[in-house]
Amino acid sequence: MEDGGLRGIALRICDWIVRLAYVNGLWLGFSLLGGVILGFFPALRAMFVVMRKWCMNEEDFSLIPLFFTEWKRFFWQANKLGYTVLSIGAVLVLDYVIVMQLAFTGSQAVAAFFILCLIVYGLMLLFIGPAFVHYPRQSLYPFLKNVMLYAVASLSYALIMGLFLSVCLILFILVPPAAVCFGGSLFAWITTHVSLRAFERTNQLIDTTEEAETI
């Protein structure tokens, strides 16, 4: 029984290794299909769709057709969100660098403010991919606001993500080819797996609050 159990665990691990490598390859391939500049974010979203289904134990789907459908369906929406978020990060970093180069009264306080903004921005990046799949119909700016609130309210989940992602980063530094095979898919799997629990917890708190208000 023990050998059978160990064999089952080994097969499960091998299955997930193949899955993650395959989806990572699809992400890279569909990014290239859009010329990288236009293909990267739609492919990233499609990868998060697949991860969400797997994390929710949904297995009854064809991987490549689903990936292509999601890539095409949210092509422009994913690019709009992706480049908006990228622009926000670039502006925050640029403003921080400019403030650090200037010497004026209160510059340290302003620099500290931008550091705080960058921390919140980093937290958003952990949740934004899973949230984009979980809440696909929200308009851009309400969506970004809600993701920011989710991120700030879910610091414990963000720490869990950070811990696992740090382990992955160490692995990729020690074994660089692993980053090519699993870099994107491992990030998507970890953030999706943890984010779904954060969303569930937040929704339960909202439901509890609404029930208390109606009493």
N, C-alpha and C. Protein backbone atom coordinates (compact mmCIF):
# COMPACT_ATOMS: atom_id res chain seq x y z
N MET A 1 0.83 -1.21 0.00
CA MET A 1 0.00 0.00 0.00
C MET A 1 0.86 1.25 0.00
N GLU A 2 1.96 1.18 0.78
CA GLU A 2 2.84 2.35 0.87
C GLU A 2 3.50 2.62 -0.47
N ASP A 3 3.97 1.50 -1.14
CA ASP A 3 4.59 1.69 -2.45
C ASP A 3 3.59 2.27 -3.43
N GLY A 4 2.34 1.73 -3.37
CA GLY A 4 1.31 2.25 -4.26
C GLY A 4 1.05 3.72 -3.99
N GLY A 5 1.03 4.11 -2.71
CA GLY A 5 0.81 5.51 -2.36
C GLY A 5 1.92 6.40 -2.86
N LEU A 6 3.17 5.96 -2.66
CA LEU A 6 4.31 6.72 -3.14
C LEU A 6 4.32 6.82 -4.66
N ARG A 7 3.94 5.74 -5.29
CA ARG A 7 3.88 5.73 -6.76
C ARG A 7 2.81 6.71 -7.24
N GLY A 8 1.69 6.73 -6.54
CA GLY A 8 0.63 7.67 -6.91
C GLY A 8 1.07 9.11 -6.76
N ILE A 9 1.78 9.40 -5.67
CA ILE A 9 2.30 10.76 -5.46
C ILE A 9 3.29 11.14 -6.55
N ALA A 10 4.18 10.20 -6.88
CA ALA A 10 5.18 10.46 -7.93
C ALA A 10 4.51 10.72 -9.27
N LEU A 11 3.49 9.94 -9.59
CA LEU A 11 2.77 10.14 -10.85
C LEU A 11 2.06 11.48 -10.87
N ARG A 12 1.51 11.87 -9.73
CA ARG A 12 0.82 13.17 -9.64
C ARG A 12 1.81 14.31 -9.85
N ILE A 13 2.97 14.20 -9.23
CA ILE A 13 4.00 15.23 -9.39
C ILE A 13 4.45 15.32 -10.84
N CYS A 14 4.70 14.17 -11.46
CA CYS A 14 5.10 14.15 -12.87
C CYS A 14 4.02 14.75 -13.76
N ASP A 15 2.76 14.46 -13.43
CA ASP A 15 1.64 15.00 -14.20
C ASP A 15 1.63 16.52 -14.14
N TRP A 16 1.86 17.09 -12.96
CA TRP A 16 1.86 18.53 -12.81
C TRP A 16 3.08 19.17 -13.47
N ILE A 17 4.21 18.48 -13.44
CA ILE A 17 5.40 19.00 -14.13
C ILE A 17 5.13 19.12 -15.62
N VAL A 18 4.51 18.09 -16.20
CA VAL A 18 4.18 18.11 -17.63
C VAL A 18 3.16 19.21 -17.91
N ARG A 19 2.14 19.31 -17.07
CA ARG A 19 1.11 20.34 -17.26
C ARG A 19 1.71 21.74 -17.26
N LEU A 20 2.52 22.02 -16.23
CA LEU A 20 3.08 23.36 -16.10
C LEU A 20 4.01 23.70 -17.26
N ALA A 21 4.82 22.72 -17.68
CA ALA A 21 5.71 22.96 -18.82
C ALA A 21 4.92 23.19 -20.10
N TYR A 22 3.85 22.43 -20.28
CA TYR A 22 3.01 22.55 -21.48
C TYR A 22 2.34 23.91 -21.55
N VAL A 23 1.73 24.33 -20.43
CA VAL A 23 1.05 25.63 -20.40
C VAL A 23 2.05 26.77 -20.55
N ASN A 24 3.22 26.61 -19.96
CA ASN A 24 4.26 27.63 -20.12
C ASN A 24 4.66 27.75 -21.59
N GLY A 25 4.75 26.61 -22.27
CA GLY A 25 5.05 26.63 -23.70
C GLY A 25 3.95 27.31 -24.51
N LEU A 26 2.68 27.07 -24.14
CA LEU A 26 1.57 27.74 -24.81
C LEU A 26 1.63 29.24 -24.59
N TRP A 27 1.95 29.65 -23.38
CA TRP A 27 2.07 31.08 -23.07
C TRP A 27 3.15 31.73 -23.94
N LEU A 28 4.30 31.11 -24.03
CA LEU A 28 5.38 31.65 -24.86
C LEU A 28 4.98 31.64 -26.34
N GLY A 29 4.36 30.55 -26.79
CA GLY A 29 3.98 30.43 -28.19
C GLY A 29 2.94 31.45 -28.60
N PHE A 30 1.91 31.63 -27.78
CA PHE A 30 0.86 32.60 -28.11
C PHE A 30 1.34 34.04 -27.93
N SER A 31 2.33 34.25 -27.06
CA SER A 31 2.96 35.58 -26.98
C SER A 31 3.65 35.90 -28.29
N LEU A 32 4.37 34.94 -28.84
CA LEU A 32 5.03 35.12 -30.14
C LEU A 32 4.01 35.29 -31.25
N LEU A 33 2.87 34.60 -31.14
CA LEU A 33 1.83 34.70 -32.17
C LEU A 33 1.31 36.13 -32.30
N GLY A 34 1.31 36.86 -31.20
CA GLY A 34 0.89 38.26 -31.23
C GLY A 34 2.05 39.22 -31.36
N GLY A 35 3.22 38.70 -31.76
CA GLY A 35 4.38 39.57 -31.91
C GLY A 35 4.94 40.04 -30.59
N VAL A 36 4.69 39.31 -29.53
CA VAL A 36 5.13 39.58 -28.16
C VAL A 36 4.46 40.85 -27.61
N ILE A 37 4.62 41.97 -28.30
CA ILE A 37 4.08 43.24 -27.81
C ILE A 37 2.57 43.17 -27.62
N LEU A 38 1.88 42.58 -28.59
CA LEU A 38 0.43 42.46 -28.50
C LEU A 38 -0.02 41.09 -28.00
N GLY A 39 0.87 40.12 -28.04
CA GLY A 39 0.47 38.76 -27.67
C GLY A 39 0.73 38.39 -26.23
N PHE A 40 1.62 39.14 -25.55
CA PHE A 40 2.06 38.75 -24.21
C PHE A 40 0.91 38.74 -23.20
N PHE A 41 0.20 39.85 -23.09
CA PHE A 41 -0.84 39.95 -22.06
C PHE A 41 -2.05 39.06 -22.34
N PRO A 42 -2.54 38.95 -23.59
CA PRO A 42 -3.63 37.99 -23.84
C PRO A 42 -3.22 36.55 -23.52
N ALA A 43 -1.98 36.18 -23.85
CA ALA A 43 -1.50 34.83 -23.54
C ALA A 43 -1.38 34.63 -22.04
N LEU A 44 -0.96 35.68 -21.34
CA LEU A 44 -0.86 35.61 -19.88
C LEU A 44 -2.23 35.39 -19.26
N ARG A 45 -3.24 36.12 -19.75
CA ARG A 45 -4.59 35.94 -19.23
C ARG A 45 -5.11 34.54 -19.52
N ALA A 46 -4.87 34.05 -20.74
CA ALA A 46 -5.32 32.69 -21.09
C ALA A 46 -4.69 31.66 -20.17
N MET A 47 -3.43 31.88 -19.80
CA MET A 47 -2.76 30.96 -18.88
C MET A 47 -3.42 31.00 -17.50
N PHE A 48 -3.82 32.18 -17.05
CA PHE A 48 -4.51 32.28 -15.76
C PHE A 48 -5.88 31.60 -15.81
N VAL A 49 -6.54 31.63 -16.96
CA VAL A 49 -7.82 30.93 -17.11
C VAL A 49 -7.63 29.43 -16.90
N VAL A 50 -6.59 28.89 -17.53
CA VAL A 50 -6.30 27.46 -17.38
C VAL A 50 -5.98 27.12 -15.93
N MET A 51 -5.16 27.95 -15.30
CA MET A 51 -4.78 27.69 -13.91
C MET A 51 -5.98 27.75 -12.98
N ARG A 52 -6.89 28.68 -13.24
CA ARG A 52 -8.09 28.77 -12.40
C ARG A 52 -8.92 27.50 -12.50
N LYS A 53 -9.08 26.98 -13.71
CA LYS A 53 -9.83 25.75 -13.90
C LYS A 53 -9.17 24.58 -13.17
N TRP A 54 -7.85 24.48 -13.29
CA TRP A 54 -7.15 23.39 -12.61
C TRP A 54 -7.24 23.52 -11.10
N CYS A 55 -7.10 24.75 -10.59
CA CYS A 55 -7.17 24.95 -9.14
C CYS A 55 -8.57 24.67 -8.60
N MET A 56 -9.58 24.78 -9.45
CA MET A 56 -10.96 24.48 -9.05
C MET A 56 -11.37 23.07 -9.45
N ASN A 57 -10.34 22.27 -9.82
CA ASN A 57 -10.55 20.85 -10.17
C ASN A 57 -11.47 20.66 -11.37
N GLU A 58 -11.42 21.59 -12.30
CA GLU A 58 -12.14 21.45 -13.56
C GLU A 58 -11.18 20.86 -14.60
N GLU A 59 -11.47 19.67 -15.05
CA GLU A 59 -10.56 18.97 -15.95
C GLU A 59 -11.16 18.72 -17.33
N ASP A 60 -12.47 18.92 -17.46
CA ASP A 60 -13.17 18.53 -18.69
C ASP A 60 -13.13 19.66 -19.72
N PHE A 61 -11.95 19.90 -20.29
CA PHE A 61 -11.81 20.89 -21.35
C PHE A 61 -10.59 20.55 -22.19
N SER A 62 -10.61 21.02 -23.44
CA SER A 62 -9.47 20.83 -24.34
C SER A 62 -8.54 22.02 -24.20
N LEU A 63 -7.30 21.77 -23.86
CA LEU A 63 -6.39 22.83 -23.45
C LEU A 63 -6.12 23.85 -24.56
N ILE A 64 -5.68 23.39 -25.72
CA ILE A 64 -5.30 24.33 -26.78
C ILE A 64 -6.51 25.13 -27.29
N PRO A 65 -7.66 24.49 -27.58
CA PRO A 65 -8.83 25.29 -28.00
C PRO A 65 -9.24 26.33 -26.96
N LEU A 66 -9.22 25.96 -25.67
CA LEU A 66 -9.56 26.91 -24.62
C LEU A 66 -8.57 28.06 -24.60
N PHE A 67 -7.29 27.74 -24.68
CA PHE A 67 -6.25 28.76 -24.64
C PHE A 67 -6.42 29.74 -25.80
N PHE A 68 -6.64 29.21 -26.99
CA PHE A 68 -6.79 30.07 -28.16
C PHE A 68 -8.05 30.93 -28.07
N THR A 69 -9.15 30.33 -27.60
CA THR A 69 -10.41 31.07 -27.47
C THR A 69 -10.27 32.24 -26.50
N GLU A 70 -9.66 31.99 -25.35
CA GLU A 70 -9.48 33.05 -24.35
C GLU A 70 -8.49 34.09 -24.84
N TRP A 71 -7.45 33.66 -25.52
CA TRP A 71 -6.45 34.58 -26.07
C TRP A 71 -7.10 35.54 -27.05
N LYS A 72 -7.95 35.03 -27.92
CA LYS A 72 -8.60 35.85 -28.94
C LYS A 72 -9.74 36.69 -28.35
N ARG A 73 -10.50 36.09 -27.45
CA ARG A 73 -11.69 36.75 -26.91
C ARG A 73 -11.36 38.00 -26.11
N PHE A 74 -10.30 37.94 -25.31
CA PHE A 74 -9.93 39.08 -24.46
C PHE A 74 -8.64 39.75 -24.95
N PHE A 75 -8.38 39.67 -26.25
CA PHE A 75 -7.12 40.17 -26.81
C PHE A 75 -6.91 41.64 -26.47
N TRP A 76 -7.87 42.48 -26.85
CA TRP A 76 -7.69 43.92 -26.66
C TRP A 76 -7.90 44.32 -25.20
N GLN A 77 -8.81 43.67 -24.52
CA GLN A 77 -9.04 43.99 -23.12
C GLN A 77 -7.81 43.67 -22.27
N ALA A 78 -7.17 42.54 -22.56
CA ALA A 78 -5.96 42.15 -21.82
C ALA A 78 -4.82 43.13 -22.10
N ASN A 79 -4.68 43.56 -23.34
CA ASN A 79 -3.64 44.54 -23.66
C ASN A 79 -3.90 45.88 -23.00
N LYS A 80 -5.16 46.30 -22.99
CA LYS A 80 -5.51 47.57 -22.34
C LYS A 80 -5.16 47.54 -20.86
N LEU A 81 -5.56 46.46 -20.18
CA LEU A 81 -5.25 46.34 -18.76
C LEU A 81 -3.75 46.21 -18.54
N GLY A 82 -3.10 45.36 -19.31
CA GLY A 82 -1.68 45.10 -19.12
C GLY A 82 -0.84 46.35 -19.28
N TYR A 83 -1.08 47.11 -20.33
CA TYR A 83 -0.25 48.29 -20.57
C TYR A 83 -0.64 49.45 -19.67
N THR A 84 -1.88 49.48 -19.19
CA THR A 84 -2.25 50.47 -18.18
C THR A 84 -1.49 50.21 -16.89
N VAL A 85 -1.49 48.96 -16.44
CA VAL A 85 -0.77 48.60 -15.22
C VAL A 85 0.73 48.83 -15.38
N LEU A 86 1.27 48.48 -16.55
CA LEU A 86 2.69 48.70 -16.82
C LEU A 86 3.03 50.18 -16.78
N SER A 87 2.16 51.02 -17.33
CA SER A 87 2.39 52.47 -17.35
C SER A 87 2.34 53.04 -15.94
N ILE A 88 1.41 52.56 -15.13
CA ILE A 88 1.33 53.03 -13.74
C ILE A 88 2.63 52.71 -13.00
N GLY A 89 3.15 51.51 -13.17
CA GLY A 89 4.40 51.14 -12.54
C GLY A 89 5.57 51.99 -13.01
N ALA A 90 5.63 52.24 -14.33
CA ALA A 90 6.71 53.06 -14.88
C ALA A 90 6.66 54.48 -14.33
N VAL A 91 5.46 55.05 -14.22
CA VAL A 91 5.31 56.41 -13.69
C VAL A 91 5.73 56.46 -12.23
N LEU A 92 5.33 55.47 -11.44
CA LEU A 92 5.71 55.45 -10.03
C LEU A 92 7.22 55.36 -9.85
N VAL A 93 7.86 54.48 -10.62
CA VAL A 93 9.32 54.33 -10.53
C VAL A 93 10.01 55.61 -10.97
N LEU A 94 9.55 56.20 -12.08
CA LEU A 94 10.15 57.43 -12.60
C LEU A 94 10.00 58.57 -11.59
N ASP A 95 8.82 58.71 -11.02
CA ASP A 95 8.60 59.77 -10.03
C ASP A 95 9.50 59.57 -8.81
N TYR A 96 9.65 58.33 -8.38
CA TYR A 96 10.52 58.05 -7.23
C TYR A 96 11.96 58.42 -7.54
N VAL A 97 12.44 58.05 -8.72
CA VAL A 97 13.82 58.37 -9.11
C VAL A 97 14.02 59.88 -9.18
N ILE A 98 13.05 60.60 -9.74
CA ILE A 98 13.17 62.06 -9.85
C ILE A 98 13.21 62.70 -8.47
N VAL A 99 12.33 62.25 -7.58
CA VAL A 99 12.30 62.81 -6.23
C VAL A 99 13.62 62.56 -5.51
N MET A 100 14.20 61.38 -5.69
CA MET A 100 15.47 61.05 -5.04
C MET A 100 16.62 61.88 -5.57
N GLN A 101 16.49 62.37 -6.81
CA GLN A 101 17.55 63.18 -7.40
C GLN A 101 17.44 64.65 -7.00
N LEU A 102 16.28 65.05 -6.52
CA LEU A 102 16.06 66.45 -6.14
C LEU A 102 16.23 66.63 -4.64
N ALA A 103 16.72 67.79 -4.28
CA ALA A 103 16.88 68.11 -2.85
C ALA A 103 15.96 69.28 -2.53
N PHE A 104 14.87 69.00 -1.87
CA PHE A 104 13.94 70.06 -1.48
C PHE A 104 13.31 69.68 -0.15
N THR A 105 12.72 70.65 0.48
CA THR A 105 12.09 70.41 1.78
C THR A 105 10.95 69.41 1.63
N GLY A 106 11.02 68.35 2.39
CA GLY A 106 9.98 67.33 2.33
C GLY A 106 10.22 66.25 1.30
N SER A 107 11.40 66.25 0.66
CA SER A 107 11.67 65.25 -0.38
C SER A 107 11.68 63.83 0.19
N GLN A 108 12.16 63.67 1.41
CA GLN A 108 12.18 62.34 2.01
C GLN A 108 10.77 61.82 2.26
N ALA A 109 9.88 62.72 2.67
CA ALA A 109 8.49 62.31 2.89
C ALA A 109 7.82 61.92 1.58
N VAL A 110 8.10 62.68 0.52
CA VAL A 110 7.54 62.36 -0.80
C VAL A 110 8.09 61.03 -1.29
N ALA A 111 9.40 60.82 -1.09
CA ALA A 111 10.02 59.56 -1.50
C ALA A 111 9.39 58.38 -0.74
N ALA A 112 9.14 58.57 0.55
CA ALA A 112 8.51 57.52 1.35
C ALA A 112 7.10 57.22 0.84
N PHE A 113 6.40 58.26 0.40
CA PHE A 113 5.06 58.07 -0.17
C PHE A 113 5.12 57.21 -1.42
N PHE A 114 6.10 57.50 -2.29
CA PHE A 114 6.21 56.71 -3.52
C PHE A 114 6.65 55.28 -3.23
N ILE A 115 7.47 55.08 -2.21
CA ILE A 115 7.83 53.72 -1.81
C ILE A 115 6.59 52.95 -1.36
N LEU A 116 5.73 53.62 -0.58
CA LEU A 116 4.48 52.99 -0.15
C LEU A 116 3.60 52.64 -1.36
N CYS A 117 3.54 53.57 -2.32
CA CYS A 117 2.75 53.32 -3.53
C CYS A 117 3.31 52.13 -4.31
N LEU A 118 4.64 52.01 -4.37
CA LEU A 118 5.26 50.90 -5.08
C LEU A 118 5.01 49.57 -4.36
N ILE A 119 4.95 49.59 -3.04
CA ILE A 119 4.64 48.37 -2.29
C ILE A 119 3.21 47.92 -2.59
N VAL A 120 2.27 48.87 -2.57
CA VAL A 120 0.88 48.54 -2.90
C VAL A 120 0.78 48.05 -4.34
N TYR A 121 1.55 48.69 -5.23
CA TYR A 121 1.57 48.27 -6.63
C TYR A 121 2.08 46.83 -6.77
N GLY A 122 3.14 46.51 -6.02
CA GLY A 122 3.66 45.15 -6.05
C GLY A 122 2.65 44.13 -5.54
N LEU A 123 1.90 44.51 -4.51
CA LEU A 123 0.85 43.62 -4.00
C LEU A 123 -0.23 43.41 -5.05
N MET A 124 -0.57 44.48 -5.76
CA MET A 124 -1.58 44.38 -6.83
C MET A 124 -1.14 43.39 -7.90
N LEU A 125 0.14 43.42 -8.24
CA LEU A 125 0.63 42.53 -9.29
C LEU A 125 0.44 41.06 -8.94
N LEU A 126 0.46 40.75 -7.65
CA LEU A 126 0.26 39.36 -7.23
C LEU A 126 -1.18 38.89 -7.44
N PHE A 127 -2.12 39.82 -7.34
CA PHE A 127 -3.54 39.45 -7.40
C PHE A 127 -4.21 39.76 -8.72
N ILE A 128 -3.59 40.61 -9.55
CA ILE A 128 -4.32 41.16 -10.69
C ILE A 128 -4.63 40.12 -11.76
N GLY A 129 -3.71 39.16 -11.98
CA GLY A 129 -3.97 38.13 -12.98
C GLY A 129 -5.15 37.24 -12.62
N PRO A 130 -5.14 36.64 -11.41
CA PRO A 130 -6.29 35.84 -11.00
C PRO A 130 -7.58 36.65 -10.92
N ALA A 131 -7.48 37.92 -10.49
CA ALA A 131 -8.68 38.75 -10.38
C ALA A 131 -9.27 39.06 -11.75
N PHE A 132 -8.42 39.24 -12.76
CA PHE A 132 -8.89 39.53 -14.11
C PHE A 132 -9.70 38.37 -14.67
N VAL A 133 -9.35 37.17 -14.28
CA VAL A 133 -10.11 35.98 -14.70
C VAL A 133 -11.35 35.80 -13.83
N HIS A 134 -11.22 36.09 -12.54
CA HIS A 134 -12.32 35.88 -11.59
C HIS A 134 -13.43 36.91 -11.78
N TYR A 135 -13.04 38.15 -12.14
CA TYR A 135 -14.02 39.24 -12.35
C TYR A 135 -13.78 39.87 -13.72
N PRO A 136 -14.09 39.17 -14.81
CA PRO A 136 -13.69 39.63 -16.15
C PRO A 136 -14.52 40.78 -16.70
N ARG A 137 -15.68 41.05 -16.12
CA ARG A 137 -16.60 42.01 -16.73
C ARG A 137 -16.54 43.40 -16.11
N GLN A 138 -15.70 43.62 -15.12
CA GLN A 138 -15.60 44.94 -14.52
C GLN A 138 -14.86 45.89 -15.46
N SER A 139 -15.27 47.16 -15.46
CA SER A 139 -14.55 48.15 -16.25
C SER A 139 -13.19 48.44 -15.60
N LEU A 140 -12.32 49.09 -16.35
CA LEU A 140 -10.90 49.15 -16.01
C LEU A 140 -10.63 49.76 -14.64
N TYR A 141 -11.07 50.99 -14.41
CA TYR A 141 -10.65 51.70 -13.20
C TYR A 141 -11.33 51.17 -11.93
N PRO A 142 -12.63 50.84 -11.97
CA PRO A 142 -13.20 50.15 -10.80
C PRO A 142 -12.50 48.82 -10.51
N PHE A 143 -12.10 48.12 -11.57
CA PHE A 143 -11.39 46.85 -11.39
C PHE A 143 -10.06 47.07 -10.68
N LEU A 144 -9.28 48.07 -11.12
CA LEU A 144 -7.99 48.34 -10.50
C LEU A 144 -8.16 48.75 -9.03
N LYS A 145 -9.20 49.55 -8.76
CA LYS A 145 -9.46 49.95 -7.38
C LYS A 145 -9.79 48.74 -6.52
N ASN A 146 -10.63 47.85 -7.03
CA ASN A 146 -11.02 46.66 -6.27
C ASN A 146 -9.83 45.73 -6.04
N VAL A 147 -8.98 45.58 -7.05
CA VAL A 147 -7.79 44.73 -6.88
C VAL A 147 -6.87 45.31 -5.81
N MET A 148 -6.72 46.64 -5.81
CA MET A 148 -5.89 47.28 -4.80
C MET A 148 -6.45 47.02 -3.40
N LEU A 149 -7.77 47.12 -3.25
CA LEU A 149 -8.39 46.87 -1.95
C LEU A 149 -8.23 45.40 -1.54
N TYR A 150 -8.41 44.49 -2.50
CA TYR A 150 -8.20 43.07 -2.22
C TYR A 150 -6.77 42.83 -1.74
N ALA A 151 -5.81 43.44 -2.44
CA ALA A 151 -4.39 43.21 -2.12
C ALA A 151 -4.05 43.71 -0.73
N VAL A 152 -4.52 44.92 -0.40
CA VAL A 152 -4.22 45.50 0.91
C VAL A 152 -4.91 44.71 2.03
N ALA A 153 -6.11 44.18 1.73
CA ALA A 153 -6.86 43.43 2.75
C ALA A 153 -6.40 41.98 2.87
N SER A 154 -5.50 41.56 2.01
CA SER A 154 -5.09 40.14 2.00
C SER A 154 -3.58 40.01 2.15
N LEU A 155 -3.01 40.75 3.10
CA LEU A 155 -1.56 40.76 3.26
C LEU A 155 -1.01 39.38 3.62
N SER A 156 -1.75 38.63 4.43
CA SER A 156 -1.26 37.30 4.82
C SER A 156 -1.15 36.39 3.60
N TYR A 157 -2.12 36.50 2.68
CA TYR A 157 -2.07 35.69 1.46
C TYR A 157 -0.93 36.17 0.56
N ALA A 158 -0.69 37.48 0.54
CA ALA A 158 0.42 38.01 -0.25
C ALA A 158 1.76 37.49 0.28
N LEU A 159 1.88 37.39 1.60
CA LEU A 159 3.10 36.85 2.20
C LEU A 159 3.31 35.39 1.82
N ILE A 160 2.22 34.63 1.79
CA ILE A 160 2.32 33.22 1.37
C ILE A 160 2.80 33.14 -0.08
N MET A 161 2.21 33.97 -0.94
CA MET A 161 2.66 34.01 -2.33
C MET A 161 4.14 34.36 -2.41
N GLY A 162 4.52 35.40 -1.66
CA GLY A 162 5.91 35.85 -1.69
C GLY A 162 6.87 34.76 -1.27
N LEU A 163 6.48 33.97 -0.26
CA LEU A 163 7.33 32.88 0.22
C LEU A 163 7.55 31.84 -0.87
N PHE A 164 6.45 31.38 -1.48
CA PHE A 164 6.57 30.35 -2.51
C PHE A 164 7.27 30.87 -3.76
N LEU A 165 7.00 32.12 -4.12
CA LEU A 165 7.65 32.69 -5.30
C LEU A 165 9.15 32.89 -5.05
N SER A 166 9.53 33.18 -3.81
CA SER A 166 10.95 33.31 -3.48
C SER A 166 11.67 31.97 -3.63
N VAL A 167 11.00 30.90 -3.20
CA VAL A 167 11.57 29.56 -3.38
C VAL A 167 11.75 29.26 -4.86
N CYS A 168 10.75 29.61 -5.66
CA CYS A 168 10.85 29.40 -7.11
C CYS A 168 11.99 30.20 -7.71
N LEU A 169 12.14 31.46 -7.24
CA LEU A 169 13.22 32.30 -7.75
C LEU A 169 14.58 31.70 -7.45
N ILE A 170 14.75 31.18 -6.24
CA ILE A 170 16.02 30.52 -5.89
C ILE A 170 16.26 29.32 -6.80
N LEU A 171 15.20 28.55 -7.05
CA LEU A 171 15.32 27.40 -7.95
C LEU A 171 15.74 27.84 -9.34
N PHE A 172 15.15 28.91 -9.84
CA PHE A 172 15.47 29.38 -11.19
C PHE A 172 16.90 29.93 -11.28
N ILE A 173 17.37 30.52 -10.19
CA ILE A 173 18.76 31.00 -10.16
C ILE A 173 19.73 29.83 -10.19
N LEU A 174 19.39 28.78 -9.43
CA LEU A 174 20.25 27.60 -9.38
C LEU A 174 20.16 26.78 -10.67
N VAL A 175 18.98 26.74 -11.27
CA VAL A 175 18.75 25.96 -12.50
C VAL A 175 18.08 26.87 -13.53
N PRO A 176 18.84 27.71 -14.24
CA PRO A 176 18.25 28.68 -15.17
C PRO A 176 17.31 28.09 -16.22
N PRO A 177 17.58 26.90 -16.79
CA PRO A 177 16.61 26.37 -17.78
C PRO A 177 15.21 26.15 -17.21
N ALA A 178 15.12 25.95 -15.89
CA ALA A 178 13.80 25.76 -15.28
C ALA A 178 12.94 27.01 -15.41
N ALA A 179 13.59 28.18 -15.44
CA ALA A 179 12.83 29.43 -15.60
C ALA A 179 12.16 29.50 -16.96
N VAL A 180 12.84 28.98 -17.98
CA VAL A 180 12.28 28.97 -19.33
C VAL A 180 11.09 28.01 -19.41
N CYS A 181 11.21 26.88 -18.74
CA CYS A 181 10.17 25.84 -18.82
C CYS A 181 8.99 26.10 -17.90
N PHE A 182 9.24 26.75 -16.74
CA PHE A 182 8.18 26.84 -15.73
C PHE A 182 7.98 28.25 -15.17
N GLY A 183 8.74 29.24 -15.62
CA GLY A 183 8.69 30.57 -15.01
C GLY A 183 7.30 31.17 -14.95
N GLY A 184 6.64 31.26 -16.10
CA GLY A 184 5.32 31.87 -16.14
C GLY A 184 4.24 31.02 -15.51
N SER A 185 4.26 29.73 -15.80
CA SER A 185 3.19 28.85 -15.32
C SER A 185 3.24 28.66 -13.80
N LEU A 186 4.43 28.58 -13.22
CA LEU A 186 4.53 28.45 -11.77
C LEU A 186 4.02 29.71 -11.08
N PHE A 187 4.40 30.88 -11.63
CA PHE A 187 3.89 32.14 -11.07
C PHE A 187 2.37 32.17 -11.13
N ALA A 188 1.81 31.80 -12.28
CA ALA A 188 0.35 31.81 -12.45
C ALA A 188 -0.33 30.81 -11.52
N TRP A 189 0.26 29.62 -11.38
CA TRP A 189 -0.36 28.60 -10.53
C TRP A 189 -0.35 29.02 -9.07
N ILE A 190 0.78 29.52 -8.58
CA ILE A 190 0.88 29.92 -7.18
C ILE A 190 -0.06 31.07 -6.86
N THR A 191 -0.03 32.12 -7.68
CA THR A 191 -0.87 33.29 -7.41
C THR A 191 -2.35 32.96 -7.54
N THR A 192 -2.71 32.11 -8.50
CA THR A 192 -4.12 31.73 -8.66
C THR A 192 -4.58 30.88 -7.48
N HIS A 193 -3.78 29.91 -7.10
CA HIS A 193 -4.14 29.00 -6.00
C HIS A 193 -4.39 29.78 -4.71
N VAL A 194 -3.51 30.72 -4.41
CA VAL A 194 -3.64 31.49 -3.17
C VAL A 194 -4.73 32.55 -3.30
N SER A 195 -4.82 33.21 -4.46
CA SER A 195 -5.80 34.27 -4.65
C SER A 195 -7.23 33.77 -4.53
N LEU A 196 -7.50 32.58 -5.04
CA LEU A 196 -8.85 32.03 -4.95
C LEU A 196 -9.30 31.91 -3.50
N ARG A 197 -8.38 31.55 -2.63
CA ARG A 197 -8.71 31.46 -1.21
C ARG A 197 -8.89 32.85 -0.60
N ALA A 198 -8.10 33.81 -1.07
CA ALA A 198 -8.27 35.18 -0.59
C ALA A 198 -9.61 35.75 -1.04
N PHE A 199 -9.99 35.51 -2.29
CA PHE A 199 -11.29 35.99 -2.79
C PHE A 199 -12.44 35.35 -2.01
N GLU A 200 -12.31 34.05 -1.76
CA GLU A 200 -13.36 33.34 -1.02
C GLU A 200 -13.51 33.90 0.39
N ARG A 201 -12.39 34.17 1.04
CA ARG A 201 -12.42 34.72 2.40
C ARG A 201 -13.05 36.11 2.39
N THR A 202 -12.67 36.95 1.44
CA THR A 202 -13.21 38.30 1.37
C THR A 202 -14.71 38.28 1.10
N ASN A 203 -15.14 37.41 0.20
CA ASN A 203 -16.58 37.30 -0.10
C ASN A 203 -17.36 36.82 1.12
N GLN A 204 -16.77 35.91 1.89
CA GLN A 204 -17.44 35.44 3.11
C GLN A 204 -17.58 36.58 4.11
N LEU A 205 -16.54 37.42 4.23
CA LEU A 205 -16.61 38.56 5.15
C LEU A 205 -17.68 39.55 4.71
N ILE A 206 -17.78 39.77 3.38
CA ILE A 206 -18.80 40.68 2.85
C ILE A 206 -20.19 40.14 3.13
N ASP A 207 -20.38 38.83 2.90
CA ASP A 207 -21.68 38.21 3.15
C ASP A 207 -22.05 38.29 4.63
N THR A 208 -21.06 38.07 5.50
CA THR A 208 -21.32 38.13 6.94
C THR A 208 -21.71 39.54 7.36
N THR A 209 -21.02 40.54 6.78
CA THR A 209 -21.33 41.94 7.10
C THR A 209 -22.73 42.31 6.64
N GLU A 210 -23.09 41.87 5.43
CA GLU A 210 -24.42 42.18 4.90
C GLU A 210 -25.51 41.52 5.73
N GLU A 211 -25.26 40.29 6.18
CA GLU A 211 -26.24 39.60 7.03
C GLU A 211 -26.41 40.31 8.36
N ALA A 212 -25.29 40.80 8.91
CA ALA A 212 -25.35 41.51 10.19
C ALA A 212 -26.12 42.82 10.06
N GLU A 213 -25.98 43.49 8.91
CA GLU A 213 -26.67 44.76 8.70
C GLU A 213 -28.17 44.57 8.53
N THR A 214 -28.58 43.40 8.02
CA THR A 214 -30.01 43.15 7.80
C THR A 214 -30.74 42.71 9.06
N ILE A 215 -29.97 42.31 10.07
CA ILE A 215 -30.59 41.86 11.33
C ILE A 215 -31.07 43.06 12.15
